[in-house]
Amino acid sequence: MPRARVSPLTRRGLLAAGGAVGLAAALAACGDSGADDTDGTGGTKDGSGSGTGAAKSGPWSFTDDRGQTSKADGTPKNIVAFTGTAAALYDYGVEVKGVFGPTRRAKDGKPDVQAGDLDISKVEILGNVWGEFNVEKYAALAPDLLVTAMWIEDALWYVPDQSKDKIVKLNPNVVALRAAETTIPQAIQRHAELAESLGADLKDPKVRDAKARFEKAAERLRQAARSKPDITVLVGSASQDLFYVSLAKMSADTLYFQQLGVRFIEPEVNAQGFFEELSWENVGKYQADIIMMDNRSSALQPNTLASRPTWAQLPAVKAGQVVPRTTEPIFSYDKCAPILDDLAAAIENAKKAGRAS
């Protein structure tokens, strides 16, 4: 598949877009699966993907989504991971020693939405915000594997550029898994492959039940979109000064929803190609029936926007049809099934919203 040129993004812009950059357009053109893909999840016919490993004994290796292979004499035990990736591994039964990225909410100390079911009191938090990564604490954990997401080609999500070389020197076994240039099923498959290499049992009833729920939820969303083809959805993220409207095909979640038939507003994106920035005076440019709002702690939430007149006049807001968007999904069947169900329910219950004057 040909690779498109990726324009640089600012930190705020990248976060607003859900970090989604890269080849989503090419992905959409090529379809959701490759020639060897039999189930739409991105795995190969034998289920091996590109990761290999001996979970219980003997040498371990895994080839990540950069094409780089990590190797060890035995299965890694001292694992450090980006919080959302750690949460996905946890859902397959793989626990980590340390995490970095949004983990604990600053306002109340409770787990961030990206922590999933992690018990954050039992992991070493190396950094909680962008640019924060405690290298000394990392070294003290004697890590034998670091795992993170990859939103931009070859970039390690939430690993600071200024300390990356030192971090990699301490432990060269680094695995990066795509969070863009992919779809939810493909990303789940790759996280499952990594988890299996680390000792997870993908035949465990909990995993199989979660996969069945995911497949059922995907079909429900497909049917909901088919039954209400005139319902339009806007993908939004709010900051103090700007409202970002994202292009659906540029993120793993909304690209997949689009493939299932959901009809999205298509903004006039900026030169970077991923979203349009609107001032709050112009937030009424797009008249959607449903608004999916970025649920991360880095974004303003709908309850804080009620005092903004232009927000209050949006058709979807007046109709009570604003729903959360899990902008950075935890890529496990267990966590993604509710995302599909929630959007399906929103579409099933949606009515055509009146247009603002």
Protein backbone atom coordinates (compact mmCIF):
# COMPACT_ATOMS: atom_id res chain seq x y z
CA MET A 1 0.00 0.00 0.00
CA PRO A 2 1.49 3.40 -0.91
CA ARG A 3 2.36 5.76 1.90
CA ALA A 4 1.06 9.29 2.00
CA ARG A 5 3.07 12.28 3.12
CA VAL A 6 2.26 13.23 6.71
CA SER A 7 2.23 16.90 7.66
CA PRO A 8 3.55 17.88 11.10
CA LEU A 9 0.99 18.45 13.82
CA THR A 10 1.07 20.63 16.89
CA ARG A 11 0.59 18.88 20.24
CA ARG A 12 -2.85 20.45 20.70
CA GLY A 13 -3.83 19.67 17.14
CA LEU A 14 -2.69 16.07 17.43
CA LEU A 15 -4.63 15.58 20.64
CA ALA A 16 -7.70 17.25 19.17
CA ALA A 17 -7.61 14.96 16.18
CA GLY A 18 -7.37 11.95 18.44
CA GLY A 19 -3.77 11.58 17.36
CA ALA A 20 -5.10 10.12 14.13
CA VAL A 21 -2.66 10.71 11.31
CA GLY A 22 -1.36 8.77 8.35
CA LEU A 23 -2.99 6.57 5.75
CA ALA A 24 -6.61 6.30 6.72
CA ALA A 25 -7.62 7.49 3.26
CA ALA A 26 -5.52 4.79 1.66
CA LEU A 27 -6.91 2.28 4.13
CA ALA A 28 -10.44 3.19 3.16
CA ALA A 29 -9.57 2.74 -0.51
CA CYS A 30 -7.90 -0.60 0.11
CA GLY A 31 -10.67 -1.92 2.35
CA ASP A 32 -10.61 -3.13 5.92
CA SER A 33 -8.52 -6.22 5.36
CA GLY A 34 -5.57 -7.51 3.39
CA ALA A 35 -5.41 -10.44 1.00
CA ASP A 36 -4.68 -12.88 3.82
CA ASP A 37 -7.25 -11.47 6.23
CA THR A 38 -10.24 -13.72 6.73
CA ASP A 39 -12.14 -12.03 9.54
CA GLY A 40 -11.60 -8.30 9.07
CA THR A 41 -9.45 -8.06 12.19
CA GLY A 42 -6.11 -7.65 10.51
CA GLY A 43 -4.79 -11.07 11.50
CA THR A 44 -3.61 -13.64 8.98
CA LYS A 45 -5.31 -16.92 8.20
CA ASP A 46 -3.41 -18.74 10.93
CA GLY A 47 -4.07 -15.96 13.42
CA SER A 48 -0.39 -15.22 13.85
CA GLY A 49 -0.26 -11.64 12.58
CA SER A 50 3.37 -10.51 12.55
CA GLY A 51 4.06 -11.27 16.20
CA THR A 52 5.67 -14.48 17.37
CA GLY A 53 6.47 -15.74 20.81
CA ALA A 54 6.80 -18.54 23.32
CA ALA A 55 4.71 -17.40 26.23
CA LYS A 56 5.80 -19.89 28.88
CA SER A 57 9.39 -20.91 28.16
CA GLY A 58 12.16 -20.43 25.68
CA PRO A 59 13.04 -17.37 23.62
CA TRP A 60 10.53 -14.61 22.98
CA SER A 61 10.20 -12.27 20.02
CA PHE A 62 7.61 -9.88 18.62
CA THR A 63 7.59 -7.75 15.48
CA ASP A 64 5.80 -4.45 16.03
CA ASP A 65 3.97 -2.17 13.60
CA ARG A 66 7.18 -0.35 12.68
CA GLY A 67 8.57 -3.66 11.46
CA GLN A 68 11.05 -3.76 14.35
CA THR A 69 11.56 -7.03 16.21
CA SER A 70 12.14 -7.21 19.96
CA LYS A 71 13.81 -10.36 21.32
CA ALA A 72 14.54 -11.84 24.73
CA ASP A 73 15.74 -15.15 26.15
CA GLY A 74 12.40 -15.49 27.94
CA THR A 75 9.00 -13.86 28.06
CA PRO A 76 9.26 -10.28 29.36
CA LYS A 77 7.98 -9.81 32.89
CA ASN A 78 8.92 -6.24 33.79
CA ILE A 79 6.69 -4.44 31.32
CA VAL A 80 6.19 -0.68 31.11
CA ALA A 81 3.46 0.64 28.83
CA PHE A 82 1.48 3.67 27.77
CA THR A 83 -1.58 3.73 30.02
CA GLY A 84 -4.17 2.88 27.36
CA THR A 85 -2.00 0.08 25.99
CA ALA A 86 -1.45 -1.27 29.50
CA ALA A 87 -5.22 -1.26 30.00
CA ALA A 88 -5.69 -3.32 26.83
CA LEU A 89 -3.05 -5.86 27.90
CA TYR A 90 -4.72 -6.06 31.33
CA ASP A 91 -7.98 -7.10 29.68
CA TYR A 92 -6.13 -10.12 28.27
CA GLY A 93 -4.58 -10.96 31.64
CA VAL A 94 -1.16 -9.34 31.13
CA GLU A 95 -0.08 -6.96 33.91
CA VAL A 96 2.56 -4.25 33.73
CA LYS A 97 4.91 -2.77 36.33
CA GLY A 98 4.80 0.85 35.20
CA VAL A 99 2.73 3.19 33.04
CA PHE A 100 3.08 6.60 31.40
CA GLY A 101 0.43 8.87 29.92
CA PRO A 102 -2.94 10.02 31.36
CA THR A 103 -3.43 7.75 34.37
CA ARG A 104 -4.69 9.78 37.33
CA ARG A 105 -7.03 12.75 36.99
CA ALA A 106 -5.49 15.91 38.40
CA LYS A 107 -8.73 17.28 39.84
CA ASP A 108 -9.66 14.33 42.07
CA GLY A 109 -6.94 11.69 41.81
CA LYS A 110 -9.31 9.13 40.31
CA PRO A 111 -8.27 6.94 37.38
CA ASP A 112 -8.25 8.64 34.00
CA VAL A 113 -10.64 7.24 31.40
CA GLN A 114 -7.64 5.80 29.55
CA ALA A 115 -6.71 3.61 32.54
CA GLY A 116 -9.64 1.27 31.94
CA ASP A 117 -9.74 -1.44 34.65
CA LEU A 118 -6.14 -0.93 35.75
CA ASP A 119 -5.61 -0.65 39.52
CA ILE A 120 -3.49 2.48 39.29
CA SER A 121 -2.41 2.11 42.93
CA LYS A 122 -0.46 -1.01 41.94
CA VAL A 123 1.59 0.43 39.07
CA GLU A 124 4.44 2.92 39.04
CA ILE A 125 3.26 6.06 37.27
CA LEU A 126 6.25 7.42 35.35
CA GLY A 127 4.39 10.35 33.84
CA ASN A 128 0.82 11.60 33.85
CA VAL A 129 0.90 14.36 31.24
CA TRP A 130 2.43 15.04 27.83
CA GLY A 131 6.24 15.38 28.02
CA GLU A 132 6.51 13.76 31.45
CA PHE A 133 8.47 10.49 31.80
CA ASN A 134 10.60 9.78 34.89
CA VAL A 135 13.65 8.01 33.48
CA GLU A 136 15.08 7.24 36.95
CA LYS A 137 11.89 5.45 38.03
CA TYR A 138 11.87 3.64 34.70
CA ALA A 139 15.42 2.37 35.22
CA ALA A 140 14.57 1.25 38.76
CA LEU A 141 11.89 -1.06 37.39
CA ALA A 142 14.56 -2.95 35.41
CA PRO A 143 12.25 -3.01 32.39
CA ASP A 144 12.60 -5.72 29.78
CA LEU A 145 9.82 -4.41 27.51
CA LEU A 146 8.27 -1.01 26.76
CA VAL A 147 4.99 -0.88 24.83
CA THR A 148 3.23 2.17 23.46
CA ALA A 149 0.91 3.36 20.72
CA MET A 150 1.93 4.80 17.37
CA TRP A 151 -0.22 7.64 16.00
CA ILE A 152 2.48 9.04 13.71
CA GLU A 153 4.77 6.80 11.67
CA ASP A 154 7.71 5.62 13.82
CA ALA A 155 6.81 7.97 16.71
CA LEU A 156 6.46 6.54 20.24
CA TRP A 157 3.30 7.95 21.83
CA TYR A 158 3.98 9.85 25.08
CA VAL A 159 7.69 8.98 25.03
CA PRO A 160 9.35 12.44 25.12
CA ASP A 161 11.72 13.17 22.25
CA GLN A 162 14.27 14.72 24.60
CA SER A 163 14.64 11.52 26.65
CA LYS A 164 13.79 8.86 24.05
CA ASP A 165 17.40 7.91 23.34
CA LYS A 166 18.15 7.44 27.04
CA ILE A 167 14.98 5.37 27.50
CA VAL A 168 15.77 3.11 24.54
CA LYS A 169 19.38 2.71 25.70
CA LEU A 170 18.14 1.43 29.07
CA ASN A 171 15.97 -1.14 27.31
CA PRO A 172 16.04 -1.62 23.54
CA ASN A 173 12.96 -3.86 23.51
CA VAL A 174 10.32 -1.35 22.47
CA VAL A 175 7.01 -2.33 20.82
CA ALA A 176 4.84 0.27 19.05
CA LEU A 177 1.33 -0.67 17.91
CA ARG A 178 -0.71 1.41 15.49
CA ALA A 179 -3.51 3.58 16.81
CA ALA A 180 -3.94 5.27 13.42
CA GLU A 181 -3.54 3.98 9.87
CA THR A 182 -5.77 1.14 11.07
CA THR A 183 -9.28 0.31 12.25
CA ILE A 184 -10.57 -0.85 15.62
CA PRO A 185 -10.69 -4.56 14.65
CA GLN A 186 -7.17 -4.48 13.22
CA ALA A 187 -5.80 -2.68 16.29
CA ILE A 188 -7.52 -5.12 18.64
CA GLN A 189 -6.02 -8.03 16.75
CA ARG A 190 -2.49 -6.66 17.10
CA HIS A 191 -2.90 -6.00 20.82
CA ALA A 192 -4.25 -9.53 21.24
CA GLU A 193 -1.26 -10.96 19.38
CA LEU A 194 1.14 -9.11 21.66
CA ALA A 195 -0.78 -10.21 24.75
CA GLU A 196 -0.70 -13.82 23.57
CA SER A 197 3.06 -13.65 23.07
CA LEU A 198 3.32 -12.43 26.66
CA GLY A 199 1.34 -15.37 28.03
CA ALA A 200 -2.32 -14.45 27.54
CA ASP A 201 -4.78 -17.20 26.73
CA LEU A 202 -6.95 -15.91 23.89
CA LYS A 203 -9.18 -18.99 24.27
CA ASP A 204 -10.10 -17.95 27.79
CA PRO A 205 -13.91 -17.72 28.08
CA LYS A 206 -13.68 -14.05 29.15
CA VAL A 207 -11.80 -13.15 25.98
CA ARG A 208 -14.04 -15.22 23.73
CA ASP A 209 -17.18 -13.79 25.33
CA ALA A 210 -15.84 -10.25 24.90
CA LYS A 211 -15.10 -10.93 21.23
CA ALA A 212 -18.64 -12.24 20.75
CA ARG A 213 -20.03 -9.07 22.37
CA PHE A 214 -17.87 -6.96 20.07
CA GLU A 215 -19.07 -8.76 16.95
CA LYS A 216 -22.69 -8.48 18.09
CA ALA A 217 -22.24 -4.75 18.81
CA ALA A 218 -20.65 -4.20 15.38
CA GLU A 219 -23.63 -5.78 13.69
CA ARG A 220 -26.00 -3.72 15.82
CA LEU A 221 -24.25 -0.53 14.73
CA ARG A 222 -24.36 -1.63 11.11
CA GLN A 223 -28.11 -2.21 11.35
CA ALA A 224 -28.70 1.07 13.21
CA ALA A 225 -26.86 3.02 10.51
CA ARG A 226 -28.76 1.18 7.80
CA SER A 227 -32.12 1.89 9.44
CA LYS A 228 -31.45 5.64 9.77
CA PRO A 229 -29.33 6.65 6.79
CA ASP A 230 -30.31 10.31 7.10
CA ILE A 231 -28.85 10.73 10.62
CA THR A 232 -25.61 12.71 10.50
CA VAL A 233 -22.86 12.58 13.12
CA LEU A 234 -20.23 15.23 13.90
CA VAL A 235 -16.92 14.32 15.57
CA GLY A 236 -15.97 17.16 17.90
CA SER A 237 -13.39 18.20 20.47
CA ALA A 238 -13.52 21.41 22.48
CA SER A 239 -10.83 23.72 23.82
CA GLN A 240 -11.14 27.12 25.44
CA ASP A 241 -10.66 28.98 22.16
CA LEU A 242 -11.50 26.50 19.41
CA PHE A 243 -13.89 23.74 18.43
CA TYR A 244 -12.30 20.98 16.37
CA VAL A 245 -14.34 19.01 13.84
CA SER A 246 -12.50 15.86 12.81
CA LEU A 247 -12.60 14.00 9.51
CA ALA A 248 -13.96 10.56 10.30
CA LYS A 249 -11.73 8.55 8.01
CA MET A 250 -8.60 9.72 9.83
CA SER A 251 -9.17 7.81 13.10
CA ALA A 252 -9.30 4.08 13.85
CA ASP A 253 -12.68 4.30 15.57
CA THR A 254 -14.60 6.61 13.25
CA LEU A 255 -13.12 5.07 10.11
CA TYR A 256 -14.52 1.74 11.27
CA PHE A 257 -17.89 3.31 12.12
CA GLN A 258 -17.92 4.82 8.64
CA GLN A 259 -17.24 1.40 7.14
CA LEU A 260 -20.23 0.10 9.10
CA GLY A 261 -22.41 2.75 7.45
CA VAL A 262 -22.46 5.68 9.88
CA ARG A 263 -22.84 9.00 8.04
CA PHE A 264 -20.40 11.67 9.26
CA ILE A 265 -20.13 15.40 8.68
CA GLU A 266 -17.11 16.06 6.46
CA PRO A 267 -15.38 19.27 7.56
CA GLU A 268 -13.22 21.52 5.42
CA VAL A 269 -9.99 20.30 6.96
CA ASN A 270 -6.86 22.42 7.26
CA ALA A 271 -3.59 21.77 5.43
CA GLN A 272 -2.77 18.92 7.78
CA GLY A 273 -5.86 17.13 6.55
CA PHE A 274 -7.31 15.81 9.79
CA PHE A 275 -9.68 18.39 11.26
CA GLU A 276 -11.14 21.87 10.90
CA GLU A 277 -10.63 24.49 13.58
CA LEU A 278 -13.69 26.65 14.27
CA SER A 279 -13.91 29.67 16.52
CA TRP A 280 -16.80 29.50 18.95
CA GLU A 281 -18.52 32.25 16.97
CA ASN A 282 -18.59 29.91 13.95
CA VAL A 283 -19.33 26.64 15.73
CA GLY A 284 -22.75 26.49 14.05
CA LYS A 285 -21.21 25.95 10.61
CA TYR A 286 -22.21 22.28 10.64
CA GLN A 287 -25.73 21.16 11.54
CA ALA A 288 -25.43 17.55 12.73
CA ASP A 289 -28.07 15.34 14.34
CA ILE A 290 -25.60 13.75 16.78
CA ILE A 291 -22.36 15.16 18.17
CA MET A 292 -19.68 12.78 19.45
CA MET A 293 -17.53 14.73 21.92
CA ASP A 294 -13.96 13.88 22.87
CA ASN A 295 -14.14 12.36 26.37
CA ARG A 296 -10.48 12.81 27.35
CA SER A 297 -9.38 14.96 30.26
CA SER A 298 -7.47 17.16 27.80
CA ALA A 299 -10.74 18.34 26.21
CA LEU A 300 -13.57 20.50 27.58
CA GLN A 301 -16.66 18.43 28.31
CA PRO A 302 -20.27 19.29 27.32
CA ASN A 303 -21.31 20.21 30.86
CA THR A 304 -18.75 23.01 30.84
CA LEU A 305 -19.98 24.38 27.51
CA ALA A 306 -23.57 25.08 28.49
CA SER A 307 -22.89 28.80 29.04
CA ARG A 308 -21.68 29.29 25.46
CA PRO A 309 -24.67 30.54 23.41
CA THR A 310 -23.41 29.21 20.09
CA TRP A 311 -22.98 25.74 21.58
CA ALA A 312 -26.42 25.80 23.18
CA GLN A 313 -28.02 26.62 19.83
CA LEU A 314 -26.59 23.63 17.98
CA PRO A 315 -29.39 21.29 16.81
CA ALA A 316 -27.84 18.20 18.40
CA VAL A 317 -27.37 20.04 21.71
CA LYS A 318 -30.97 21.31 21.72
CA ALA A 319 -32.18 17.79 20.91
CA GLY A 320 -30.12 16.24 23.72
CA GLN A 321 -28.18 14.18 21.21
CA VAL A 322 -24.61 14.77 22.39
CA VAL A 323 -22.70 11.61 23.28
CA PRO A 324 -19.16 10.92 24.51
CA ARG A 325 -16.52 9.76 22.09
CA THR A 326 -13.76 7.47 23.31
CA THR A 327 -11.14 9.24 21.23
CA GLU A 328 -8.28 6.97 22.27
CA PRO A 329 -9.89 3.53 22.54
CA ILE A 330 -8.47 0.81 24.73
CA PHE A 331 -7.93 -1.79 22.04
CA SER A 332 -9.49 -4.88 23.60
CA TYR A 333 -12.77 -6.54 22.68
CA ASP A 334 -14.04 -5.88 26.20
CA LYS A 335 -13.53 -2.11 26.01
CA CYS A 336 -14.50 -1.58 22.36
CA ALA A 337 -17.79 -3.49 22.43
CA PRO A 338 -19.50 -0.82 24.61
CA ILE A 339 -18.22 1.93 22.29
CA LEU A 340 -20.06 0.31 19.37
CA ASP A 341 -23.16 -0.35 21.46
CA ASP A 342 -23.30 3.23 22.72
CA LEU A 343 -23.12 4.72 19.24
CA ALA A 344 -25.67 2.23 17.96
CA ALA A 345 -28.04 3.22 20.76
CA ALA A 346 -27.52 6.91 20.01
CA ILE A 347 -28.41 6.38 16.35
CA GLU A 348 -31.34 4.10 17.16
CA ASN A 349 -32.81 6.76 19.46
CA ALA A 350 -31.88 9.79 17.36
CA LYS A 351 -34.35 12.04 15.60
CA LYS A 352 -33.59 14.54 12.86
CA ALA A 353 -32.57 17.62 14.81
CA GLY A 354 -34.10 20.96 13.91
CA ARG A 355 -31.80 23.36 12.15
CA ALA A 356 -30.55 26.46 13.90
CA SER A 357 -31.56 29.72 12.29
